[in-house]
Amino acid sequence: MTQIIVLPHVEVCPDGAVIEAEQGQSICEALLANGIDIEHSCEMSCACTTCHVVVREGFNSLAPAEEEEEDLLDKAWGLEPRSRLSCQAIVKDTPLVVEIPRYSINMAREGKH
């Protein structure tokens, strides 16, 4: 199991959390399995940006983002150099510290789909 520290997020995880994830699981799957209700509008199919996270520690342990993920990340609110779509970032054996951005862009919810 790999430790993921989730920094506080006012709505999704107000106190922050320390969770355990299985290697080979996506960050999104790990968050959801541990009761952290991160938005994931496309059901983890790499078709939106609602599960965007910033990997504050352990970023280099993740496999590089594929081109499709990179293209979507360009549309994410609060994009940073260590941004990933949590549905695409697969946990390995290195502990991670992740931050869920304050906002997400959900085109379907906002009627722009």
PDB file of N, CA and C in Angstrom:
ATOM      1  N   MET A   1       0.846  -1.183   0.000  1.00  0.00           N
ATOM      2  CA  MET A   1       0.000   0.000   0.000  1.00  0.00           C
ATOM      3  C   MET A   1       0.892   1.247   0.000  1.00  0.00           C
ATOM      4  N   THR A   2       0.400   2.277  -0.629  1.00  0.00           N
ATOM      5  CA  THR A   2       1.132   3.532  -0.758  1.00  0.00           C
ATOM      6  C   THR A   2       0.338   4.638  -0.073  1.00  0.00           C
ATOM      7  N   GLN A   3       1.021   5.446   0.693  1.00  0.00           N
ATOM      8  CA  GLN A   3       0.360   6.538   1.403  1.00  0.00           C
ATOM      9  C   GLN A   3       0.140   7.732   0.487  1.00  0.00           C
ATOM     10  N   ILE A   4      -1.071   8.279   0.569  1.00  0.00           N
ATOM     11  CA  ILE A   4      -1.389   9.531  -0.118  1.00  0.00           C
ATOM     12  C   ILE A   4      -1.882  10.513   0.931  1.00  0.00           C
ATOM     13  N   ILE A   5      -1.209  11.638   1.022  1.00  0.00           N
ATOM     14  CA  ILE A   5      -1.661  12.720   1.893  1.00  0.00           C
ATOM     15  C   ILE A   5      -2.479  13.664   1.022  1.00  0.00           C
ATOM     16  N   VAL A   6      -3.712  13.915   1.435  1.00  0.00           N
ATOM     17  CA  VAL A   6      -4.599  14.819   0.710  1.00  0.00           C
ATOM     18  C   VAL A   6      -4.664  16.117   1.507  1.00  0.00           C
ATOM     19  N   LEU A   7      -4.234  17.193   0.894  1.00  0.00           N
ATOM     20  CA  LEU A   7      -4.265  18.489   1.566  1.00  0.00           C
ATOM     21  C   LEU A   7      -5.712  18.954   1.725  1.00  0.00           C
ATOM     22  N   PRO A   8      -5.989  19.765   2.726  1.00  0.00           N
ATOM     23  CA  PRO A   8      -7.369  20.207   2.957  1.00  0.00           C
ATOM     24  C   PRO A   8      -7.986  20.907   1.745  1.00  0.00           C
ATOM     25  N   HIS A   9      -9.238  20.589   1.491  1.00  0.00           N
ATOM     26  CA  HIS A   9     -10.052  21.229   0.446  1.00  0.00           C
ATOM     27  C   HIS A   9     -11.362  21.598   1.119  1.00  0.00           C
ATOM     28  N   VAL A  10     -11.771  22.839   1.011  1.00  0.00           N
ATOM     29  CA  VAL A  10     -12.887  23.365   1.784  1.00  0.00           C
ATOM     30  C   VAL A  10     -14.166  22.538   1.663  1.00  0.00           C
ATOM     31  N   GLU A  11     -14.445  21.953   0.499  1.00  0.00           N
ATOM     32  CA  GLU A  11     -15.678  21.198   0.311  1.00  0.00           C
ATOM     33  C   GLU A  11     -15.474  19.685   0.327  1.00  0.00           C
ATOM     34  N   VAL A  12     -14.475  19.216  -0.369  1.00  0.00           N
ATOM     35  CA  VAL A  12     -14.299  17.779  -0.570  1.00  0.00           C
ATOM     36  C   VAL A  12     -13.637  17.090   0.617  1.00  0.00           C
ATOM     37  N   CYS A  13     -12.699  17.771   1.266  1.00  0.00           N
ATOM     38  CA  CYS A  13     -11.921  17.155   2.349  1.00  0.00           C
ATOM     39  C   CYS A  13     -11.431  18.254   3.283  1.00  0.00           C
ATOM     40  N   PRO A  14     -12.341  18.854   4.072  1.00  0.00           N
ATOM     41  CA  PRO A  14     -12.003  20.051   4.852  1.00  0.00           C
ATOM     42  C   PRO A  14     -10.813  19.900   5.806  1.00  0.00           C
ATOM     43  N   ASP A  15     -10.611  18.716   6.358  1.00  0.00           N
ATOM     44  CA  ASP A  15      -9.524  18.522   7.310  1.00  0.00           C
ATOM     45  C   ASP A  15      -8.295  17.879   6.692  1.00  0.00           C
ATOM     46  N   GLY A  16      -8.344  17.623   5.377  1.00  0.00           N
ATOM     47  CA  GLY A  16      -7.273  16.868   4.763  1.00  0.00           C
ATOM     48  C   GLY A  16      -7.409  15.409   5.170  1.00  0.00           C
ATOM     49  N   ALA A  17      -6.551  14.561   4.652  1.00  0.00           N
ATOM     50  CA  ALA A  17      -6.635  13.134   4.976  1.00  0.00           C
ATOM     51  C   ALA A  17      -5.318  12.452   4.652  1.00  0.00           C
ATOM     52  N   VAL A  18      -5.099  11.333   5.299  1.00  0.00           N
ATOM     53  CA  VAL A  18      -3.999  10.436   4.976  1.00  0.00           C
ATOM     54  C   VAL A  18      -4.655   9.104   4.642  1.00  0.00           C
ATOM     55  N   ILE A  19      -4.465   8.644   3.406  1.00  0.00           N
ATOM     56  CA  ILE A  19      -5.111   7.417   2.969  1.00  0.00           C
ATOM     57  C   ILE A  19      -4.068   6.441   2.443  1.00  0.00           C
ATOM     58  N   GLU A  20      -4.488   5.208   2.283  1.00  0.00           N
ATOM     59  CA  GLU A  20      -3.640   4.174   1.696  1.00  0.00           C
ATOM     60  C   GLU A  20      -4.233   3.788   0.349  1.00  0.00           C
ATOM     61  N   ALA A  21      -3.367   3.641  -0.648  1.00  0.00           N
ATOM     62  CA  ALA A  21      -3.803   3.271  -1.993  1.00  0.00           C
ATOM     63  C   ALA A  21      -3.060   2.023  -2.444  1.00  0.00           C
ATOM     64  N   GLU A  22      -3.727   1.221  -3.231  1.00  0.00           N
ATOM     65  CA  GLU A  22      -3.086   0.053  -3.810  1.00  0.00           C
ATOM     66  C   GLU A  22      -2.252   0.481  -5.005  1.00  0.00           C
ATOM     67  N   GLN A  23      -1.083  -0.096  -5.160  1.00  0.00           N
ATOM     68  CA  GLN A  23      -0.279   0.179  -6.336  1.00  0.00           C
ATOM     69  C   GLN A  23      -1.051  -0.284  -7.565  1.00  0.00           C
ATOM     70  N   GLY A  24      -1.030   0.516  -8.627  1.00  0.00           N
ATOM     71  CA  GLY A  24      -1.767   0.197  -9.836  1.00  0.00           C
ATOM     72  C   GLY A  24      -3.139   0.843  -9.883  1.00  0.00           C
ATOM     73  N   GLN A  25      -3.558   1.420  -8.776  1.00  0.00           N
ATOM     74  CA  GLN A  25      -4.842   2.115  -8.692  1.00  0.00           C
ATOM     75  C   GLN A  25      -4.608   3.576  -9.093  1.00  0.00           C
ATOM     76  N   SER A  26      -5.606   4.206  -9.697  1.00  0.00           N
ATOM     77  CA  SER A  26      -5.451   5.630  -9.999  1.00  0.00           C
ATOM     78  C   SER A  26      -5.641   6.430  -8.717  1.00  0.00           C
ATOM     79  N   ILE A  27      -5.116   7.635  -8.713  1.00  0.00           N
ATOM     80  CA  ILE A  27      -5.327   8.512  -7.556  1.00  0.00           C
ATOM     81  C   ILE A  27      -6.815   8.724  -7.342  1.00  0.00           C
ATOM     82  N   CYS A  28      -7.565   8.906  -8.414  1.00  0.00           N
ATOM     83  CA  CYS A  28      -9.014   9.111  -8.315  1.00  0.00           C
ATOM     84  C   CYS A  28      -9.690   7.918  -7.641  1.00  0.00           C
ATOM     85  N   GLU A  29      -9.363   6.708  -8.075  1.00  0.00           N
ATOM     86  CA  GLU A  29      -9.943   5.505  -7.477  1.00  0.00           C
ATOM     87  C   GLU A  29      -9.613   5.426  -5.995  1.00  0.00           C
ATOM     88  N   ALA A  30      -8.373   5.757  -5.638  1.00  0.00           N
ATOM     89  CA  ALA A  30      -7.958   5.711  -4.242  1.00  0.00           C
ATOM     90  C   ALA A  30      -8.726   6.725  -3.398  1.00  0.00           C
ATOM     91  N   LEU A  31      -8.880   7.936  -3.928  1.00  0.00           N
ATOM     92  CA  LEU A  31      -9.626   8.957  -3.189  1.00  0.00           C
ATOM     93  C   LEU A  31     -11.062   8.503  -2.958  1.00  0.00           C
ATOM     94  N   LEU A  32     -11.721   8.038  -4.010  1.00  0.00           N
ATOM     95  CA  LEU A  32     -13.111   7.606  -3.898  1.00  0.00           C
ATOM     96  C   LEU A  32     -13.258   6.422  -2.943  1.00  0.00           C
ATOM     97  N   ALA A  33     -12.326   5.466  -3.005  1.00  0.00           N
ATOM     98  CA  ALA A  33     -12.374   4.289  -2.138  1.00  0.00           C
ATOM     99  C   ALA A  33     -12.214   4.649  -0.662  1.00  0.00           C
ATOM    100  N   ASN A  34     -11.641   5.825  -0.411  1.00  0.00           N
ATOM    101  CA  ASN A  34     -11.408   6.270   0.964  1.00  0.00           C
ATOM    102  C   ASN A  34     -12.358   7.391   1.384  1.00  0.00           C
ATOM    103  N   GLY A  35     -13.476   7.514   0.690  1.00  0.00           N
ATOM    104  CA  GLY A  35     -14.517   8.456   1.095  1.00  0.00           C
ATOM    105  C   GLY A  35     -14.264   9.904   0.730  1.00  0.00           C
ATOM    106  N   ILE A  36     -13.312  10.159  -0.151  1.00  0.00           N
ATOM    107  CA  ILE A  36     -13.047  11.528  -0.603  1.00  0.00           C
ATOM    108  C   ILE A  36     -13.722  11.678  -1.961  1.00  0.00           C
ATOM    109  N   ASP A  37     -14.824  12.388  -1.977  1.00  0.00           N
ATOM    110  CA  ASP A  37     -15.714  12.435  -3.129  1.00  0.00           C
ATOM    111  C   ASP A  37     -15.250  13.453  -4.170  1.00  0.00           C
ATOM    112  N   ILE A  38     -14.092  13.176  -4.774  1.00  0.00           N
ATOM    113  CA  ILE A  38     -13.587  14.049  -5.830  1.00  0.00           C
ATOM    114  C   ILE A  38     -14.521  13.943  -7.039  1.00  0.00           C
ATOM    115  N   GLU A  39     -14.741  15.076  -7.683  1.00  0.00           N
ATOM    116  CA  GLU A  39     -15.591  15.063  -8.863  1.00  0.00           C
ATOM    117  C   GLU A  39     -14.891  14.280  -9.976  1.00  0.00           C
ATOM    118  N   HIS A  40     -15.666  13.526 -10.725  1.00  0.00           N
ATOM    119  CA  HIS A  40     -15.134  12.726 -11.842  1.00  0.00           C
ATOM    120  C   HIS A  40     -16.260  12.525 -12.861  1.00  0.00           C
ATOM    121  N   SER A  41     -16.610  13.615 -13.517  1.00  0.00           N
ATOM    122  CA  SER A  41     -17.796  13.668 -14.371  1.00  0.00           C
ATOM    123  C   SER A  41     -17.788  12.690 -15.533  1.00  0.00           C
ATOM    124  N   CYS A  42     -16.642  12.347 -16.052  1.00  0.00           N
ATOM    125  CA  CYS A  42     -16.602  11.453 -17.213  1.00  0.00           C
ATOM    126  C   CYS A  42     -16.425   9.998 -16.796  1.00  0.00           C
ATOM    127  N   GLU A  43     -16.611   9.722 -15.510  1.00  0.00           N
ATOM    128  CA  GLU A  43     -16.455   8.357 -14.984  1.00  0.00           C
ATOM    129  C   GLU A  43     -15.064   7.785 -15.264  1.00  0.00           C
ATOM    130  N   MET A  44     -14.062   8.645 -15.137  1.00  0.00           N
ATOM    131  CA  MET A  44     -12.651   8.263 -15.240  1.00  0.00           C
ATOM    132  C   MET A  44     -12.241   7.782 -16.623  1.00  0.00           C
ATOM    133  N   SER A  45     -12.812   8.371 -17.675  1.00  0.00           N
ATOM    134  CA  SER A  45     -12.477   7.960 -19.036  1.00  0.00           C
ATOM    135  C   SER A  45     -11.563   8.952 -19.750  1.00  0.00           C
ATOM    136  N   CYS A  46     -10.970   9.879 -19.026  1.00  0.00           N
ATOM    137  CA  CYS A  46     -10.062  10.883 -19.587  1.00  0.00           C
ATOM    138  C   CYS A  46     -10.767  11.722 -20.650  1.00  0.00           C
ATOM    139  N   ALA A  47     -11.950  12.236 -20.269  1.00  0.00           N
ATOM    140  CA  ALA A  47     -12.724  13.042 -21.207  1.00  0.00           C
ATOM    141  C   ALA A  47     -13.118  14.399 -20.628  1.00  0.00           C
ATOM    142  N   CYS A  48     -12.663  14.711 -19.408  1.00  0.00           N
ATOM    143  CA  CYS A  48     -12.963  16.015 -18.812  1.00  0.00           C
ATOM    144  C   CYS A  48     -11.808  16.401 -17.901  1.00  0.00           C
ATOM    145  N   THR A  49     -11.980  17.436 -17.117  1.00  0.00           N
ATOM    146  CA  THR A  49     -10.898  17.851 -16.206  1.00  0.00           C
ATOM    147  C   THR A  49     -11.365  17.934 -14.752  1.00  0.00           C
ATOM    148  N   THR A  50     -12.513  17.383 -14.441  1.00  0.00           N
ATOM    149  CA  THR A  50     -13.081  17.583 -13.103  1.00  0.00           C
ATOM    150  C   THR A  50     -12.299  16.880 -11.994  1.00  0.00           C
ATOM    151  N   CYS A  51     -11.480  15.888 -12.321  1.00  0.00           N
ATOM    152  CA  CYS A  51     -10.705  15.187 -11.288  1.00  0.00           C
ATOM    153  C   CYS A  51      -9.273  15.711 -11.193  1.00  0.00           C
ATOM    154  N   HIS A  52      -9.040  16.898 -11.717  1.00  0.00           N
ATOM    155  CA  HIS A  52      -7.724  17.533 -11.713  1.00  0.00           C
ATOM    156  C   HIS A  52      -7.173  17.632 -10.290  1.00  0.00           C
ATOM    157  N   VAL A  53      -5.925  17.237 -10.111  1.00  0.00           N
ATOM    158  CA  VAL A  53      -5.216  17.412  -8.849  1.00  0.00           C
ATOM    159  C   VAL A  53      -3.828  17.970  -9.142  1.00  0.00           C
ATOM    160  N   VAL A  54      -3.228  18.548  -8.116  1.00  0.00           N
ATOM    161  CA  VAL A  54      -1.838  18.976  -8.194  1.00  0.00           C
ATOM    162  C   VAL A  54      -1.056  18.047  -7.271  1.00  0.00           C
ATOM    163  N   VAL A  55      -0.051  17.387  -7.811  1.00  0.00           N
ATOM    164  CA  VAL A  55       0.758  16.450  -7.033  1.00  0.00           C
ATOM    165  C   VAL A  55       1.922  17.238  -6.442  1.00  0.00           C
ATOM    166  N   ARG A  56       1.797  17.583  -5.170  1.00  0.00           N
ATOM    167  CA  ARG A  56       2.795  18.426  -4.497  1.00  0.00           C
ATOM    168  C   ARG A  56       4.073  17.661  -4.163  1.00  0.00           C
ATOM    169  N   GLU A  57       3.959  16.362  -3.878  1.00  0.00           N
ATOM    170  CA  GLU A  57       5.147  15.537  -3.607  1.00  0.00           C
ATOM    171  C   GLU A  57       4.946  14.182  -4.268  1.00  0.00           C
ATOM    172  N   GLY A  58       6.011  13.651  -4.840  1.00  0.00           N
ATOM    173  CA  GLY A  58       5.963  12.350  -5.488  1.00  0.00           C
ATOM    174  C   GLY A  58       5.607  12.403  -6.964  1.00  0.00           C
ATOM    175  N   PHE A  59       5.533  13.595  -7.525  1.00  0.00           N
ATOM    176  CA  PHE A  59       5.117  13.770  -8.926  1.00  0.00           C
ATOM    177  C   PHE A  59       5.963  12.944  -9.886  1.00  0.00           C
ATOM    178  N   ASN A  60       7.275  12.944  -9.680  1.00  0.00           N
ATOM    179  CA  ASN A  60       8.180  12.267 -10.613  1.00  0.00           C
ATOM    180  C   ASN A  60       8.068  10.746 -10.564  1.00  0.00           C
ATOM    181  N   SER A  61       7.380  10.210  -9.556  1.00  0.00           N
ATOM    182  CA  SER A  61       7.192   8.757  -9.490  1.00  0.00           C
ATOM    183  C   SER A  61       6.071   8.295 -10.412  1.00  0.00           C
ATOM    184  N   LEU A  62       5.242   9.219 -10.874  1.00  0.00           N
ATOM    185  CA  LEU A  62       4.125   8.875 -11.754  1.00  0.00           C
ATOM    186  C   LEU A  62       4.607   8.760 -13.191  1.00  0.00           C
ATOM    187  N   ALA A  63       3.989   7.871 -13.945  1.00  0.00           N
ATOM    188  CA  ALA A  63       4.298   7.785 -15.371  1.00  0.00           C
ATOM    189  C   ALA A  63       3.916   9.110 -16.019  1.00  0.00           C
ATOM    190  N   PRO A  64       4.645   9.531 -17.052  1.00  0.00           N
ATOM    191  CA  PRO A  64       4.302  10.792 -17.711  1.00  0.00           C
ATOM    192  C   PRO A  64       2.883  10.760 -18.271  1.00  0.00           C
ATOM    193  N   ALA A  65       2.267  11.920 -18.314  1.00  0.00           N
ATOM    194  CA  ALA A  65       0.915  12.035 -18.869  1.00  0.00           C
ATOM    195  C   ALA A  65       0.935  11.730 -20.359  1.00  0.00           C
ATOM    196  N   GLU A  66      -0.091  11.034 -20.827  1.00  0.00           N
ATOM    197  CA  GLU A  66      -0.258  10.789 -22.260  1.00  0.00           C
ATOM    198  C   GLU A  66      -0.720  12.088 -22.925  1.00  0.00           C
ATOM    199  N   GLU A  67      -0.622  12.146 -24.233  1.00  0.00           N
ATOM    200  CA  GLU A  67      -0.985  13.356 -24.973  1.00  0.00           C
ATOM    201  C   GLU A  67      -2.439  13.771 -24.741  1.00  0.00           C
ATOM    202  N   GLU A  68      -3.345  12.806 -24.688  1.00  0.00           N
ATOM    203  CA  GLU A  68      -4.766  13.104 -24.462  1.00  0.00           C
ATOM    204  C   GLU A  68      -4.977  13.808 -23.117  1.00  0.00           C
ATOM    205  N   GLU A  69      -4.294  13.313 -22.079  1.00  0.00           N
ATOM    206  CA  GLU A  69      -4.394  13.946 -20.759  1.00  0.00           C
ATOM    207  C   GLU A  69      -3.799  15.353 -20.795  1.00  0.00           C
ATOM    208  N   GLU A  70      -2.653  15.511 -21.442  1.00  0.00           N
ATOM    209  CA  GLU A  70      -2.020  16.830 -21.548  1.00  0.00           C
ATOM    210  C   GLU A  70      -2.953  17.835 -22.220  1.00  0.00           C
ATOM    211  N   ASP A  71      -3.622  17.403 -23.290  1.00  0.00           N
ATOM    212  CA  ASP A  71      -4.547  18.289 -23.998  1.00  0.00           C
ATOM    213  C   ASP A  71      -5.693  18.731 -23.090  1.00  0.00           C
ATOM    214  N   LEU A  72      -6.215  17.809 -22.306  1.00  0.00           N
ATOM    215  CA  LEU A  72      -7.307  18.152 -21.390  1.00  0.00           C
ATOM    216  C   LEU A  72      -6.818  19.051 -20.263  1.00  0.00           C
ATOM    217  N   LEU A  73      -5.644  18.770 -19.747  1.00  0.00           N
ATOM    218  CA  LEU A  73      -5.113  19.583 -18.649  1.00  0.00           C
ATOM    219  C   LEU A  73      -4.994  21.052 -19.038  1.00  0.00           C
ATOM    220  N   ASP A  74      -4.743  21.309 -20.315  1.00  0.00           N
ATOM    221  CA  ASP A  74      -4.660  22.700 -20.769  1.00  0.00           C
ATOM    222  C   ASP A  74      -5.948  23.465 -20.491  1.00  0.00           C
ATOM    223  N   LYS A  75      -7.048  22.758 -20.308  1.00  0.00           N
ATOM    224  CA  LYS A  75      -8.350  23.385 -20.058  1.00  0.00           C
ATOM    225  C   LYS A  75      -8.715  23.421 -18.572  1.00  0.00           C
ATOM    226  N   ALA A  76      -7.897  22.844 -17.727  1.00  0.00           N
ATOM    227  CA  ALA A  76      -8.207  22.747 -16.296  1.00  0.00           C
ATOM    228  C   ALA A  76      -8.027  24.085 -15.590  1.00  0.00           C
ATOM    229  N   TRP A  77      -8.896  24.338 -14.608  1.00  0.00           N
ATOM    230  CA  TRP A  77      -8.782  25.538 -13.792  1.00  0.00           C
ATOM    231  C   TRP A  77      -7.580  25.374 -12.867  1.00  0.00           C
ATOM    232  N   GLY A  78      -6.754  26.400 -12.769  1.00  0.00           N
ATOM    233  CA  GLY A  78      -5.628  26.386 -11.835  1.00  0.00           C
ATOM    234  C   GLY A  78      -4.499  25.460 -12.241  1.00  0.00           C
ATOM    235  N   LEU A  79      -4.287  25.292 -13.536  1.00  0.00           N
ATOM    236  CA  LEU A  79      -3.243  24.405 -14.037  1.00  0.00           C
ATOM    237  C   LEU A  79      -1.875  24.810 -13.491  1.00  0.00           C
ATOM    238  N   GLU A  80      -1.107  23.817 -13.060  1.00  0.00           N
ATOM    239  CA  GLU A  80       0.250  24.019 -12.568  1.00  0.00           C
ATOM    240  C   GLU A  80       1.166  22.990 -13.224  1.00  0.00           C
ATOM    241  N   PRO A  81       2.472  23.184 -13.154  1.00  0.00           N
ATOM    242  CA  PRO A  81       3.390  22.221 -13.778  1.00  0.00           C
ATOM    243  C   PRO A  81       3.237  20.792 -13.245  1.00  0.00           C
ATOM    244  N   ARG A  82       2.753  20.641 -12.032  1.00  0.00           N
ATOM    245  CA  ARG A  82       2.591  19.303 -11.445  1.00  0.00           C
ATOM    246  C   ARG A  82       1.121  18.864 -11.420  1.00  0.00           C
ATOM    247  N   SER A  83       0.335  19.409 -12.324  1.00  0.00           N
ATOM    248  CA  SER A  83      -1.071  19.022 -12.444  1.00  0.00           C
ATOM    249  C   SER A  83      -1.199  17.685 -13.155  1.00  0.00           C
ATOM    250  N   ARG A  84      -2.174  16.900 -12.716  1.00  0.00           N
ATOM    251  CA  ARG A  84      -2.534  15.640 -13.368  1.00  0.00           C
ATOM    252  C   ARG A  84      -4.037  15.442 -13.270  1.00  0.00           C
ATOM    253  N   LEU A  85      -4.577  14.655 -14.172  1.00  0.00           N
ATOM    254  CA  LEU A  85      -5.943  14.172 -14.001  1.00  0.00           C
ATOM    255  C   LEU A  85      -5.822  12.953 -13.101  1.00  0.00           C
ATOM    256  N   SER A  86      -6.506  12.990 -11.976  1.00  0.00           N
ATOM    257  CA  SER A  86      -6.317  11.914 -10.998  1.00  0.00           C
ATOM    258  C   SER A  86      -6.786  10.561 -11.522  1.00  0.00           C
ATOM    259  N   CYS A  87      -7.662  10.554 -12.525  1.00  0.00           N
ATOM    260  CA  CYS A  87      -8.113   9.278 -13.097  1.00  0.00           C
ATOM    261  C   CYS A  87      -7.042   8.633 -13.966  1.00  0.00           C
ATOM    262  N   GLN A  88      -6.033   9.390 -14.352  1.00  0.00           N
ATOM    263  CA  GLN A  88      -4.984   8.887 -15.230  1.00  0.00           C
ATOM    264  C   GLN A  88      -3.655   8.667 -14.514  1.00  0.00           C
ATOM    265  N   ALA A  89      -3.499   9.236 -13.335  1.00  0.00           N
ATOM    266  CA  ALA A  89      -2.250   9.127 -12.579  1.00  0.00           C
ATOM    267  C   ALA A  89      -2.287   7.859 -11.725  1.00  0.00           C
ATOM    268  N   ILE A  90      -1.448   6.906 -12.063  1.00  0.00           N
ATOM    269  CA  ILE A  90      -1.449   5.596 -11.413  1.00  0.00           C
ATOM    270  C   ILE A  90      -0.427   5.563 -10.278  1.00  0.00           C
ATOM    271  N   VAL A  91      -0.899   5.144  -9.120  1.00  0.00           N
ATOM    272  CA  VAL A  91      -0.083   5.083  -7.908  1.00  0.00           C
ATOM    273  C   VAL A  91       0.954   3.966  -8.038  1.00  0.00           C
ATOM    274  N   LYS A  92       2.177   4.303  -7.659  1.00  0.00           N
ATOM    275  CA  LYS A  92       3.241   3.294  -7.596  1.00  0.00           C
ATOM    276  C   LYS A  92       3.593   3.110  -6.122  1.00  0.00           C
ATOM    277  N   ASP A  93       4.872   2.959  -5.792  1.00  0.00           N
ATOM    278  CA  ASP A  93       5.238   2.715  -4.398  1.00  0.00           C
ATOM    279  C   ASP A  93       5.741   3.960  -3.669  1.00  0.00           C
ATOM    280  N   THR A  94       5.763   5.099  -4.337  1.00  0.00           N
ATOM    281  CA  THR A  94       6.233   6.339  -3.728  1.00  0.00           C
ATOM    282  C   THR A  94       5.061   7.093  -3.094  1.00  0.00           C
ATOM    283  N   PRO A  95       5.186   7.483  -1.833  1.00  0.00           N
ATOM    284  CA  PRO A  95       4.110   8.277  -1.206  1.00  0.00           C
ATOM    285  C   PRO A  95       3.862   9.561  -1.990  1.00  0.00           C
ATOM    286  N   LEU A  96       2.626  10.008  -1.963  1.00  0.00           N
ATOM    287  CA  LEU A  96       2.213  11.208  -2.691  1.00  0.00           C
ATOM    288  C   LEU A  96       1.563  12.210  -1.759  1.00  0.00           C
ATOM    289  N   VAL A  97       1.692  13.469  -2.101  1.00  0.00           N
ATOM    290  CA  VAL A  97       0.918  14.545  -1.460  1.00  0.00           C
ATOM    291  C   VAL A  97       0.158  15.218  -2.592  1.00  0.00           C
ATOM    292  N   VAL A  98      -1.177  15.225  -2.482  1.00  0.00           N
ATOM    293  CA  VAL A  98      -1.990  15.808  -3.544  1.00  0.00           C
ATOM    294  C   VAL A  98      -2.875  16.920  -3.001  1.00  0.00           C
ATOM    295  N   GLU A  99      -3.113  17.866  -3.874  1.00  0.00           N
ATOM    296  CA  GLU A  99      -4.012  18.973  -3.568  1.00  0.00           C
ATOM    297  C   GLU A  99      -5.116  18.984  -4.620  1.00  0.00           C
ATOM    298  N   ILE A 100      -6.351  19.047  -4.162  1.00  0.00           N
ATOM    299  CA  ILE A 100      -7.487  19.168  -5.070  1.00  0.00           C
ATOM    300  C   ILE A 100      -7.740  20.662  -5.244  1.00  0.00           C
ATOM    301  N   PRO A 101      -7.664  21.165  -6.470  1.00  0.00           N
ATOM    302  CA  PRO A 101      -7.876  22.601  -6.673  1.00  0.00           C
ATOM    303  C   PRO A 101      -9.247  23.053  -6.161  1.00  0.00           C
ATOM    304  N   ARG A 102      -9.318  24.300  -5.790  1.00  0.00           N
ATOM    305  CA  ARG A 102     -10.548  24.854  -5.223  1.00  0.00           C
ATOM    306  C   ARG A 102     -11.731  24.745  -6.172  1.00  0.00           C
ATOM    307  N   TYR A 103     -11.491  24.902  -7.464  1.00  0.00           N
ATOM    308  CA  TYR A 103     -12.566  24.867  -8.454  1.00  0.00           C
ATOM    309  C   TYR A 103     -12.264  23.835  -9.523  1.00  0.00           C
ATOM    310  N   SER A 104     -13.315  23.395 -10.192  1.00  0.00           N
ATOM    311  CA  SER A 104     -13.142  22.559 -11.377  1.00  0.00           C
ATOM    312  C   SER A 104     -14.099  23.069 -12.444  1.00  0.00           C
ATOM    313  N   ILE A 105     -13.761  22.755 -13.677  1.00  0.00           N
ATOM    314  CA  ILE A 105     -14.600  23.158 -14.797  1.00  0.00           C
ATOM    315  C   ILE A 105     -15.399  21.937 -15.221  1.00  0.00           C
ATOM    316  N   ASN A 106     -16.715  22.022 -15.047  1.00  0.00           N
ATOM    317  CA  ASN A 106     -17.595  20.920 -15.409  1.00  0.00           C
ATOM    318  C   ASN A 106     -18.541  21.423 -16.486  1.00  0.00           C
ATOM    319  N   MET A 107     -18.180  21.207 -17.735  1.00  0.00           N
ATOM    320  CA  MET A 107     -18.970  21.699 -18.864  1.00  0.00           C
ATOM    321  C   MET A 107     -20.378  21.125 -18.865  1.00  0.00           C
ATOM    322  N   ALA A 108     -20.531  19.858 -18.499  1.00  0.00           N
ATOM    323  CA  ALA A 108     -21.858  19.246 -18.500  1.00  0.00           C
ATOM    324  C   ALA A 108     -22.756  19.911 -17.468  1.00  0.00           C
ATOM    325  N   ARG A 109     -22.249  20.108 -16.271  1.00  0.00           N
ATOM    326  CA  ARG A 109     -23.037  20.723 -15.214  1.00  0.00           C
ATOM    327  C   ARG A 109     -23.376  22.180 -15.543  1.00  0.00           C
ATOM    328  N   GLU A 110     -22.450  22.848 -16.232  1.00  0.00           N
ATOM    329  CA  GLU A 110     -22.643  24.254 -16.545  1.00  0.00           C
ATOM    330  C   GLU A 110     -23.415  24.466 -17.843  1.00  0.00           C
ATOM    331  N   GLY A 111     -23.940  23.377 -18.416  1.00  0.00           N
ATOM    332  CA  GLY A 111     -24.776  23.487 -19.608  1.00  0.00           C
ATOM    333  C   GLY A 111     -24.020  23.798 -20.877  1.00  0.00           C
ATOM    334  N   LYS A 112     -22.740  23.481 -20.935  1.00  0.00           N
ATOM    335  CA  LYS A 112     -21.928  23.805 -22.119  1.00  0.00           C
ATOM    336  C   LYS A 112     -21.483  22.540 -22.838  1.00  0.00           C
ATOM    337  N   HIS A 113     -22.086  21.438 -22.537  1.00  0.00           N
ATOM    338  CA  HIS A 113     -21.680  20.160 -23.114  1.00  0.00           C
ATOM    339  C   HIS A 113     -22.315  19.949 -24.463  1.00  0.00           C
TER     340      HIS A 113
END
